[in-house]
């Protein structure tokens, strides 16, 4: 299948390109800036994709420029959808990557797709706005949405929590400075996420939202203890008030029932396997 991929240079995009190519798909990466309407339209027309995976976004919650979230995540997606809608033959399926962050701090946990969104930061708000905007194209394009819960893996930027910890343990640092310690998250493996995306391209229903999750949350403190066990290194953890987010989402765990009903049961690498993989790739 001819796949058109945005965000191919990003963390998830690199892993997805590798896994989809290994599965026998022909992957074309978009090189145009999402804000370049003309360049985007020309690339999309030339690619003539059978399916689209839209991963490009500003995804770091702490990104300094709030307006950039909306310029890229909302308007950039609008430009992509306009280009796809102009194709003589529309794609068979379009995956739009949203985020479980749209659920915000809700009392219900684990969270199903029926939970009303309540975003608490600009990243999450821009992703929810993208979802609502994209629904205007459902009469023309077979698009669906994925809301991945936290995931990690080799090659993820150290601006994210788990890679930051892994890097500190790998170089046997004396201490690490973190923000909120009392958080609980799913920390799934990017390889599981890529596998789920490929399966959803085949089986997802247009217009639907799918949580991409395992339903297995862990505390940040238990992740640190696991890294201590694997590496054999004792790392002092210090709380830096500058890193503490006022609107931190304290617990984020999803219900995978809808995903599993659609694509079947998935293989989830254990957190220990994921962390070992990440540590190995630090050396």
C-alpha atoms as a PDB file:
ATOM      1  CA  UNK A   1       0.000   0.000   0.000  1.00  0.00           C
ATOM      2  CA  UNK A   2       1.217   3.537  -0.778  1.00  0.00           C
ATOM      3  CA  UNK A   3       1.436   5.366   2.544  1.00  0.00           C
ATOM      4  CA  UNK A   4       1.880   9.105   2.924  1.00  0.00           C
ATOM      5  CA  UNK A   5       3.541   9.992   6.220  1.00  0.00           C
ATOM      6  CA  UNK A   6       3.859  13.368   7.911  1.00  0.00           C
ATOM      7  CA  UNK A   7       6.287  13.806  10.775  1.00  0.00           C
ATOM      8  CA  UNK A   8       8.630  11.169   9.331  1.00  0.00           C
ATOM      9  CA  UNK A   9      11.651  12.839  10.967  1.00  0.00           C
ATOM     10  CA  UNK A  10      10.062  12.746  14.411  1.00  0.00           C
ATOM     11  CA  UNK A  11      10.384  10.100  17.083  1.00  0.00           C
ATOM     12  CA  UNK A  12       7.210   8.176  16.194  1.00  0.00           C
ATOM     13  CA  UNK A  13       7.575   8.860  12.481  1.00  0.00           C
ATOM     14  CA  UNK A  14      11.002   7.231  12.265  1.00  0.00           C
ATOM     15  CA  UNK A  15       9.806   4.088  13.998  1.00  0.00           C
ATOM     16  CA  UNK A  16       6.589   3.991  11.964  1.00  0.00           C
ATOM     17  CA  UNK A  17       8.467   4.366   8.680  1.00  0.00           C
ATOM     18  CA  UNK A  18      10.709   1.442   9.618  1.00  0.00           C
ATOM     19  CA  UNK A  19       7.876  -0.838  10.741  1.00  0.00           C
ATOM     20  CA  UNK A  20       5.590  -0.059   7.795  1.00  0.00           C
ATOM     21  CA  UNK A  21       8.409  -0.524   5.273  1.00  0.00           C
ATOM     22  CA  UNK A  22       9.264  -3.849   6.927  1.00  0.00           C
ATOM     23  CA  UNK A  23       5.611  -4.829   6.488  1.00  0.00           C
ATOM     24  CA  UNK A  24       5.938  -4.257   2.735  1.00  0.00           C
ATOM     25  CA  UNK A  25       4.328  -0.837   2.403  1.00  0.00           C
ATOM     26  CA  UNK A  26       5.677   1.961   0.205  1.00  0.00           C
ATOM     27  CA  UNK A  27       6.221   4.989   2.428  1.00  0.00           C
ATOM     28  CA  UNK A  28       6.455   8.548   1.116  1.00  0.00           C
ATOM     29  CA  UNK A  29       7.480  11.174   3.654  1.00  0.00           C
ATOM     30  CA  UNK A  30       6.112  14.699   3.387  1.00  0.00           C
ATOM     31  CA  UNK A  31       8.963  17.221   3.389  1.00  0.00           C
ATOM     32  CA  UNK A  32       6.921  20.416   3.048  1.00  0.00           C
ATOM     33  CA  UNK A  33       6.145  22.570   6.050  1.00  0.00           C
ATOM     34  CA  UNK A  34       2.498  22.029   7.010  1.00  0.00           C
ATOM     35  CA  UNK A  35       2.017  25.783   6.783  1.00  0.00           C
ATOM     36  CA  UNK A  36       3.138  25.758   3.118  1.00  0.00           C
ATOM     37  CA  UNK A  37      -0.217  25.148   1.442  1.00  0.00           C
ATOM     38  CA  UNK A  38       1.089  25.099  -2.132  1.00  0.00           C
ATOM     39  CA  UNK A  39       4.105  22.914  -1.454  1.00  0.00           C
ATOM     40  CA  UNK A  40       1.957  20.522   0.545  1.00  0.00           C
ATOM     41  CA  UNK A  41      -0.647  20.278  -2.195  1.00  0.00           C
ATOM     42  CA  UNK A  42       1.987  19.475  -4.826  1.00  0.00           C
ATOM     43  CA  UNK A  43       3.589  16.757  -2.699  1.00  0.00           C
ATOM     44  CA  UNK A  44       0.252  15.146  -1.879  1.00  0.00           C
ATOM     45  CA  UNK A  45      -0.780  15.144  -5.543  1.00  0.00           C
ATOM     46  CA  UNK A  46       2.501  13.564  -6.613  1.00  0.00           C
ATOM     47  CA  UNK A  47       2.321  10.879  -3.902  1.00  0.00           C
ATOM     48  CA  UNK A  48      -1.248   9.785  -4.784  1.00  0.00           C
ATOM     49  CA  UNK A  49      -1.498   7.966  -1.452  1.00  0.00           C
ATOM     50  CA  UNK A  50      -3.751   5.025  -0.688  1.00  0.00           C
ATOM     51  CA  UNK A  51      -3.534   5.819   3.030  1.00  0.00           C
ATOM     52  CA  UNK A  52      -2.248   8.714   5.148  1.00  0.00           C
ATOM     53  CA  UNK A  53      -0.648   8.764   8.597  1.00  0.00           C
ATOM     54  CA  UNK A  54      -0.557  12.275  10.000  1.00  0.00           C
ATOM     55  CA  UNK A  55       1.901  12.422  12.889  1.00  0.00           C
ATOM     56  CA  UNK A  56       3.505  15.840  12.389  1.00  0.00           C
ATOM     57  CA  UNK A  57       2.840  18.120  15.342  1.00  0.00           C
ATOM     58  CA  UNK A  58       4.370  20.137  18.125  1.00  0.00           C
ATOM     59  CA  UNK A  59       4.063  17.533  20.868  1.00  0.00           C
ATOM     60  CA  UNK A  60       6.181  18.790  23.774  1.00  0.00           C
ATOM     61  CA  UNK A  61       3.701  20.128  26.338  1.00  0.00           C
ATOM     62  CA  UNK A  62       6.240  22.630  27.662  1.00  0.00           C
ATOM     63  CA  UNK A  63       6.895  24.230  24.254  1.00  0.00           C
ATOM     64  CA  UNK A  64       7.499  27.947  24.821  1.00  0.00           C
ATOM     65  CA  UNK A  65       5.424  29.391  21.959  1.00  0.00           C
ATOM     66  CA  UNK A  66       1.755  28.711  22.684  1.00  0.00           C
ATOM     67  CA  UNK A  67       0.562  30.018  19.309  1.00  0.00           C
ATOM     68  CA  UNK A  68       2.752  27.462  17.510  1.00  0.00           C
ATOM     69  CA  UNK A  69       0.580  24.637  18.852  1.00  0.00           C
ATOM     70  CA  UNK A  70      -2.386  26.033  16.918  1.00  0.00           C
ATOM     71  CA  UNK A  71      -0.412  27.104  13.832  1.00  0.00           C
ATOM     72  CA  UNK A  72       0.986  23.598  13.342  1.00  0.00           C
ATOM     73  CA  UNK A  73      -1.447  21.220  15.027  1.00  0.00           C
ATOM     74  CA  UNK A  74      -4.668  22.834  13.801  1.00  0.00           C
ATOM     75  CA  UNK A  75      -3.941  25.001  10.750  1.00  0.00           C
ATOM     76  CA  UNK A  76      -1.244  22.618   9.510  1.00  0.00           C
ATOM     77  CA  UNK A  77      -3.744  19.754   9.636  1.00  0.00           C
ATOM     78  CA  UNK A  78      -6.331  21.909   7.880  1.00  0.00           C
ATOM     79  CA  UNK A  79      -3.855  22.503   5.041  1.00  0.00           C
ATOM     80  CA  UNK A  80      -3.139  18.779   4.774  1.00  0.00           C
ATOM     81  CA  UNK A  81      -6.818  17.876   4.644  1.00  0.00           C
ATOM     82  CA  UNK A  82      -7.455  20.507   1.976  1.00  0.00           C
ATOM     83  CA  UNK A  83      -4.685  18.964  -0.126  1.00  0.00           C
ATOM     84  CA  UNK A  84      -6.090  15.455   0.358  1.00  0.00           C
ATOM     85  CA  UNK A  85      -9.633  16.569  -0.444  1.00  0.00           C
ATOM     86  CA  UNK A  86      -8.382  17.995  -3.763  1.00  0.00           C
ATOM     87  CA  UNK A  87      -7.007  14.640  -4.946  1.00  0.00           C
ATOM     88  CA  UNK A  88      -8.727  13.018  -7.960  1.00  0.00           C
ATOM     89  CA  UNK A  89      -8.850   9.781  -5.937  1.00  0.00           C
ATOM     90  CA  UNK A  90      -9.078  10.201  -2.140  1.00  0.00           C
ATOM     91  CA  UNK A  91      -7.104   7.878   0.163  1.00  0.00           C
ATOM     92  CA  UNK A  92      -8.805   4.773   1.506  1.00  0.00           C
ATOM     93  CA  UNK A  93      -8.010   5.708   5.121  1.00  0.00           C
ATOM     94  CA  UNK A  94      -6.514   8.692   6.968  1.00  0.00           C
ATOM     95  CA  UNK A  95      -5.113   8.396  10.495  1.00  0.00           C
ATOM     96  CA  UNK A  96      -4.948  11.661  12.436  1.00  0.00           C
ATOM     97  CA  UNK A  97      -2.871  11.483  15.601  1.00  0.00           C
ATOM     98  CA  UNK A  98      -4.459  13.311  18.525  1.00  0.00           C
ATOM     99  CA  UNK A  99      -3.495  12.670  22.143  1.00  0.00           C
ATOM    100  CA  UNK A 100      -4.852  11.234  25.402  1.00  0.00           C
ATOM    101  CA  UNK A 101      -3.902  14.590  26.903  1.00  0.00           C
ATOM    102  CA  UNK A 102      -7.247  15.876  25.628  1.00  0.00           C
ATOM    103  CA  UNK A 103      -8.903  14.099  28.595  1.00  0.00           C
ATOM    104  CA  UNK A 104      -7.097  16.321  31.091  1.00  0.00           C
ATOM    105  CA  UNK A 105      -7.524  15.731  34.831  1.00  0.00           C
ATOM    106  CA  UNK A 106     -10.667  13.646  35.069  1.00  0.00           C
ATOM    107  CA  UNK A 107     -11.868  11.672  38.075  1.00  0.00           C
ATOM    108  CA  UNK A 108     -12.706   8.657  35.924  1.00  0.00           C
ATOM    109  CA  UNK A 109      -9.781   6.279  35.427  1.00  0.00           C
ATOM    110  CA  UNK A 110      -9.086   4.252  33.408  1.00  0.00           C
ATOM    111  CA  UNK A 111     -10.468   6.428  30.623  1.00  0.00           C
ATOM    112  CA  UNK A 112     -12.589   5.263  27.706  1.00  0.00           C
ATOM    113  CA  UNK A 113     -13.332   7.134  24.485  1.00  0.00           C
ATOM    114  CA  UNK A 114     -16.701   8.113  25.988  1.00  0.00           C
ATOM    115  CA  UNK A 115     -15.025  10.384  28.536  1.00  0.00           C
ATOM    116  CA  UNK A 116     -15.680  14.055  27.810  1.00  0.00           C
ATOM    117  CA  UNK A 117     -12.430  15.886  26.932  1.00  0.00           C
ATOM    118  CA  UNK A 118     -11.199  18.519  29.382  1.00  0.00           C
ATOM    119  CA  UNK A 119      -7.778  19.743  28.169  1.00  0.00           C
ATOM    120  CA  UNK A 120      -5.629  21.673  30.645  1.00  0.00           C
ATOM    121  CA  UNK A 121      -2.793  22.925  28.414  1.00  0.00           C
ATOM    122  CA  UNK A 122      -2.302  24.414  24.957  1.00  0.00           C
ATOM    123  CA  UNK A 123      -0.951  21.180  23.491  1.00  0.00           C
ATOM    124  CA  UNK A 124      -4.045  19.220  24.491  1.00  0.00           C
ATOM    125  CA  UNK A 125      -6.383  22.057  23.487  1.00  0.00           C
ATOM    126  CA  UNK A 126      -4.789  22.268  20.038  1.00  0.00           C
ATOM    127  CA  UNK A 127      -5.208  18.511  19.547  1.00  0.00           C
ATOM    128  CA  UNK A 128      -8.872  18.649  20.515  1.00  0.00           C
ATOM    129  CA  UNK A 129      -9.403  21.646  18.236  1.00  0.00           C
ATOM    130  CA  UNK A 130      -7.755  19.641  15.439  1.00  0.00           C
ATOM    131  CA  UNK A 131     -10.224  16.790  15.989  1.00  0.00           C
ATOM    132  CA  UNK A 132     -13.244  19.080  15.832  1.00  0.00           C
ATOM    133  CA  UNK A 133     -11.912  20.924  12.792  1.00  0.00           C
ATOM    134  CA  UNK A 134     -11.166  17.689  10.913  1.00  0.00           C
ATOM    135  CA  UNK A 135     -14.711  16.407  11.342  1.00  0.00           C
ATOM    136  CA  UNK A 136     -15.755  18.992   8.745  1.00  0.00           C
ATOM    137  CA  UNK A 137     -14.070  16.726   6.160  1.00  0.00           C
ATOM    138  CA  UNK A 138     -15.819  13.473   7.018  1.00  0.00           C
ATOM    139  CA  UNK A 139     -18.195  13.850   4.085  1.00  0.00           C
ATOM    140  CA  UNK A 140     -15.165  13.833   1.753  1.00  0.00           C
ATOM    141  CA  UNK A 141     -12.372  11.966   3.517  1.00  0.00           C
ATOM    142  CA  UNK A 142     -12.331   8.621   5.435  1.00  0.00           C
ATOM    143  CA  UNK A 143     -10.457   9.918   8.444  1.00  0.00           C
ATOM    144  CA  UNK A 144     -10.296   8.649  12.006  1.00  0.00           C
ATOM    145  CA  UNK A 145      -8.514   9.702  15.191  1.00  0.00           C
ATOM    146  CA  UNK A 146      -6.073   8.026  17.559  1.00  0.00           C
ATOM    147  CA  UNK A 147      -5.489   9.200  21.104  1.00  0.00           C
ATOM    148  CA  UNK A 148      -2.248   7.564  22.204  1.00  0.00           C
ATOM    149  CA  UNK A 149      -1.472   7.462  25.893  1.00  0.00           C
ATOM    150  CA  UNK A 150       2.123   8.065  27.006  1.00  0.00           C
ATOM    151  CA  UNK A 151       4.694   5.991  25.176  1.00  0.00           C
ATOM    152  CA  UNK A 152       8.451   5.982  24.827  1.00  0.00           C
ATOM    153  CA  UNK A 153      11.370   4.184  23.221  1.00  0.00           C
ATOM    154  CA  UNK A 154      14.854   4.506  21.777  1.00  0.00           C
ATOM    155  CA  UNK A 155      15.439   7.799  19.996  1.00  0.00           C
ATOM    156  CA  UNK A 156      12.939   9.915  21.908  1.00  0.00           C
ATOM    157  CA  UNK A 157      14.126  13.399  22.859  1.00  0.00           C
ATOM    158  CA  UNK A 158      15.480  13.963  26.358  1.00  0.00           C
ATOM    159  CA  UNK A 159      12.991  16.808  26.721  1.00  0.00           C
ATOM    160  CA  UNK A 160      10.543  14.009  27.553  1.00  0.00           C
ATOM    161  CA  UNK A 161      10.568  12.421  30.994  1.00  0.00           C
ATOM    162  CA  UNK A 162      11.551   8.779  30.409  1.00  0.00           C
ATOM    163  CA  UNK A 163      14.397   9.481  27.931  1.00  0.00           C
ATOM    164  CA  UNK A 164      15.709  12.113  30.348  1.00  0.00           C
ATOM    165  CA  UNK A 165      15.812   9.567  33.145  1.00  0.00           C
ATOM    166  CA  UNK A 166      17.363   6.893  30.927  1.00  0.00           C
ATOM    167  CA  UNK A 167      20.103   9.288  29.813  1.00  0.00           C
ATOM    168  CA  UNK A 168      20.962  10.211  33.409  1.00  0.00           C
ATOM    169  CA  UNK A 169      21.177   6.556  34.434  1.00  0.00           C
ATOM    170  CA  UNK A 170      23.192   5.656  31.320  1.00  0.00           C
ATOM    171  CA  UNK A 171      25.883   8.213  32.090  1.00  0.00           C
ATOM    172  CA  UNK A 172      25.807   7.442  35.819  1.00  0.00           C
ATOM    173  CA  UNK A 173      24.906  10.988  36.744  1.00  0.00           C
ATOM    174  CA  UNK A 174      24.933  11.898  40.418  1.00  0.00           C
ATOM    175  CA  UNK A 175      21.445  13.406  40.397  1.00  0.00           C
ATOM    176  CA  UNK A 176      18.519  14.395  38.190  1.00  0.00           C
ATOM    177  CA  UNK A 177      16.138  17.331  38.575  1.00  0.00           C
ATOM    178  CA  UNK A 178      12.462  16.605  37.941  1.00  0.00           C
ATOM    179  CA  UNK A 179       9.121  18.305  38.430  1.00  0.00           C
ATOM    180  CA  UNK A 180       6.010  16.518  39.697  1.00  0.00           C
ATOM    181  CA  UNK A 181       6.945  13.124  41.153  1.00  0.00           C
ATOM    182  CA  UNK A 182       3.475  11.963  42.189  1.00  0.00           C
ATOM    183  CA  UNK A 183       2.234  11.099  38.725  1.00  0.00           C
ATOM    184  CA  UNK A 184       0.967   7.842  37.278  1.00  0.00           C
ATOM    185  CA  UNK A 185       1.052   7.080  33.584  1.00  0.00           C
ATOM    186  CA  UNK A 186       1.012   4.389  31.009  1.00  0.00           C
ATOM    187  CA  UNK A 187       4.512   4.274  29.552  1.00  0.00           C
ATOM    188  CA  UNK A 188       3.942   2.077  26.527  1.00  0.00           C
ATOM    189  CA  UNK A 189       6.466   1.096  23.870  1.00  0.00           C
ATOM    190  CA  UNK A 190       6.557   3.054  20.595  1.00  0.00           C
ATOM    191  CA  UNK A 191       6.745  -0.265  18.713  1.00  0.00           C
ATOM    192  CA  UNK A 192       3.342  -1.236  20.104  1.00  0.00           C
ATOM    193  CA  UNK A 193       1.947   2.147  19.036  1.00  0.00           C
ATOM    194  CA  UNK A 194       3.282   1.790  15.474  1.00  0.00           C
ATOM    195  CA  UNK A 195       1.848  -1.716  15.220  1.00  0.00           C
ATOM    196  CA  UNK A 196      -1.552  -0.447  16.375  1.00  0.00           C
ATOM    197  CA  UNK A 197      -1.477   2.370  13.800  1.00  0.00           C
ATOM    198  CA  UNK A 198      -0.752  -0.063  10.964  1.00  0.00           C
ATOM    199  CA  UNK A 199      -3.603  -2.337  12.013  1.00  0.00           C
ATOM    200  CA  UNK A 200      -6.007   0.584  12.363  1.00  0.00           C
ATOM    201  CA  UNK A 201      -5.236   1.733   8.822  1.00  0.00           C
ATOM    202  CA  UNK A 202      -6.792  -1.529   7.711  1.00  0.00           C
ATOM    203  CA  UNK A 203      -9.681  -1.844  10.152  1.00  0.00           C
ATOM    204  CA  UNK A 204     -10.610   1.529  11.700  1.00  0.00           C
ATOM    205  CA  UNK A 205     -14.049   3.007  11.076  1.00  0.00           C
ATOM    206  CA  UNK A 206     -14.040   6.563   9.635  1.00  0.00           C
ATOM    207  CA  UNK A 207     -15.088   9.191  12.145  1.00  0.00           C
ATOM    208  CA  UNK A 208     -14.221   7.044  15.152  1.00  0.00           C
ATOM    209  CA  UNK A 209     -11.771   7.772  17.969  1.00  0.00           C
ATOM    210  CA  UNK A 210      -9.468   5.067  19.299  1.00  0.00           C
ATOM    211  CA  UNK A 211      -7.479   5.134  22.521  1.00  0.00           C
ATOM    212  CA  UNK A 212      -4.082   3.589  21.828  1.00  0.00           C
ATOM    213  CA  UNK A 213      -3.221   2.259  25.245  1.00  0.00           C
ATOM    214  CA  UNK A 214      -2.522  -0.801  27.370  1.00  0.00           C
ATOM    215  CA  UNK A 215      -4.514  -0.005  30.489  1.00  0.00           C
ATOM    216  CA  UNK A 216      -1.382  -0.619  32.591  1.00  0.00           C
ATOM    217  CA  UNK A 217      -0.264   2.535  34.420  1.00  0.00           C
ATOM    218  CA  UNK A 218       2.864   2.793  36.564  1.00  0.00           C
ATOM    219  CA  UNK A 219       4.057   5.440  38.972  1.00  0.00           C
ATOM    220  CA  UNK A 220       7.037   7.603  38.145  1.00  0.00           C
ATOM    221  CA  UNK A 221       8.728   6.403  41.315  1.00  0.00           C
ATOM    222  CA  UNK A 222       8.420   2.773  40.191  1.00  0.00           C
ATOM    223  CA  UNK A 223      10.028   3.678  36.829  1.00  0.00           C
ATOM    224  CA  UNK A 224      12.974   5.200  38.678  1.00  0.00           C
ATOM    225  CA  UNK A 225      13.312   2.097  40.847  1.00  0.00           C
ATOM    226  CA  UNK A 226      13.226  -0.135  37.766  1.00  0.00           C
ATOM    227  CA  UNK A 227      15.995   1.901  36.130  1.00  0.00           C
ATOM    228  CA  UNK A 228      18.045   1.608  39.317  1.00  0.00           C
ATOM    229  CA  UNK A 229      17.588  -2.161  39.210  1.00  0.00           C
ATOM    230  CA  UNK A 230      18.479  -2.521  35.513  1.00  0.00           C
ATOM    231  CA  UNK A 231      21.477  -0.168  35.546  1.00  0.00           C
ATOM    232  CA  UNK A 232      22.779  -0.872  39.036  1.00  0.00           C
ATOM    233  CA  UNK A 233      23.247   2.878  39.492  1.00  0.00           C
ATOM    234  CA  UNK A 234      21.900   4.932  42.401  1.00  0.00           C
ATOM    235  CA  UNK A 235      20.602   8.279  41.207  1.00  0.00           C
ATOM    236  CA  UNK A 236      19.506  11.069  43.514  1.00  0.00           C
ATOM    237  CA  UNK A 237      16.190  12.612  42.475  1.00  0.00           C
ATOM    238  CA  UNK A 238      15.697  16.300  43.214  1.00  0.00           C
ATOM    239  CA  UNK A 239      12.506  18.286  42.698  1.00  0.00           C
ATOM    240  CA  UNK A 240      13.139  21.538  40.854  1.00  0.00           C
ATOM    241  CA  UNK A 241      10.202  23.944  41.411  1.00  0.00           C
ATOM    242  CA  UNK A 242      10.817  25.413  37.954  1.00  0.00           C
ATOM    243  CA  UNK A 243       9.879  22.044  36.431  1.00  0.00           C
ATOM    244  CA  UNK A 244       6.627  21.657  38.387  1.00  0.00           C
ATOM    245  CA  UNK A 245       3.597  22.235  36.154  1.00  0.00           C
ATOM    246  CA  UNK A 246       0.587  23.907  37.721  1.00  0.00           C
ATOM    247  CA  UNK A 247      -1.839  22.010  35.482  1.00  0.00           C
ATOM    248  CA  UNK A 248      -0.113  18.621  35.623  1.00  0.00           C
ATOM    249  CA  UNK A 249      -2.271  15.650  34.617  1.00  0.00           C
ATOM    250  CA  UNK A 250      -1.696  13.386  37.613  1.00  0.00           C
ATOM    251  CA  UNK A 251      -3.070  10.064  36.368  1.00  0.00           C
ATOM    252  CA  UNK A 252      -3.488   9.004  32.753  1.00  0.00           C
ATOM    253  CA  UNK A 253      -4.595   5.465  32.005  1.00  0.00           C
ATOM    254  CA  UNK A 254      -6.774   4.281  29.133  1.00  0.00           C
ATOM    255  CA  UNK A 255      -9.283   1.549  28.385  1.00  0.00           C
ATOM    256  CA  UNK A 256      -8.005  -0.491  25.400  1.00  0.00           C
ATOM    257  CA  UNK A 257     -11.302  -2.351  24.779  1.00  0.00           C
ATOM    258  CA  UNK A 258     -12.313  -0.427  21.648  1.00  0.00           C
ATOM    259  CA  UNK A 259      -8.862  -0.742  20.100  1.00  0.00           C
ATOM    260  CA  UNK A 260      -8.715  -4.463  20.842  1.00  0.00           C
ATOM    261  CA  UNK A 261     -12.221  -5.034  19.480  1.00  0.00           C
ATOM    262  CA  UNK A 262     -11.150  -3.345  16.243  1.00  0.00           C
ATOM    263  CA  UNK A 263      -7.693  -4.822  15.657  1.00  0.00           C
ATOM    264  CA  UNK A 264      -7.426  -7.718  18.107  1.00  0.00           C
ATOM    265  CA  UNK A 265      -5.092  -8.194  21.045  1.00  0.00           C
ATOM    266  CA  UNK A 266      -1.674  -6.577  20.778  1.00  0.00           C
ATOM    267  CA  UNK A 267       1.729  -7.624  22.028  1.00  0.00           C
ATOM    268  CA  UNK A 268       3.019  -5.159  24.623  1.00  0.00           C
ATOM    269  CA  UNK A 269       6.744  -5.178  25.417  1.00  0.00           C
ATOM    270  CA  UNK A 270       7.167  -4.940  29.169  1.00  0.00           C
ATOM    271  CA  UNK A 271       8.366  -1.645  30.623  1.00  0.00           C
ATOM    272  CA  UNK A 272      11.589  -3.377  31.656  1.00  0.00           C
ATOM    273  CA  UNK A 273      12.165  -4.518  28.046  1.00  0.00           C
ATOM    274  CA  UNK A 274      11.535  -0.991  26.782  1.00  0.00           C
ATOM    275  CA  UNK A 275      13.915   0.578  29.300  1.00  0.00           C
ATOM    276  CA  UNK A 276      16.627  -1.997  28.529  1.00  0.00           C
ATOM    277  CA  UNK A 277      16.259  -1.192  24.824  1.00  0.00           C
ATOM    278  CA  UNK A 278      16.570   2.520  25.561  1.00  0.00           C
ATOM    279  CA  UNK A 279      19.590   2.076  27.839  1.00  0.00           C
ATOM    280  CA  UNK A 280      21.318  -0.101  25.225  1.00  0.00           C
ATOM    281  CA  UNK A 281      20.836   2.608  22.602  1.00  0.00           C
ATOM    282  CA  UNK A 282      22.436   5.213  24.851  1.00  0.00           C
ATOM    283  CA  UNK A 283      25.834   3.536  24.539  1.00  0.00           C
END
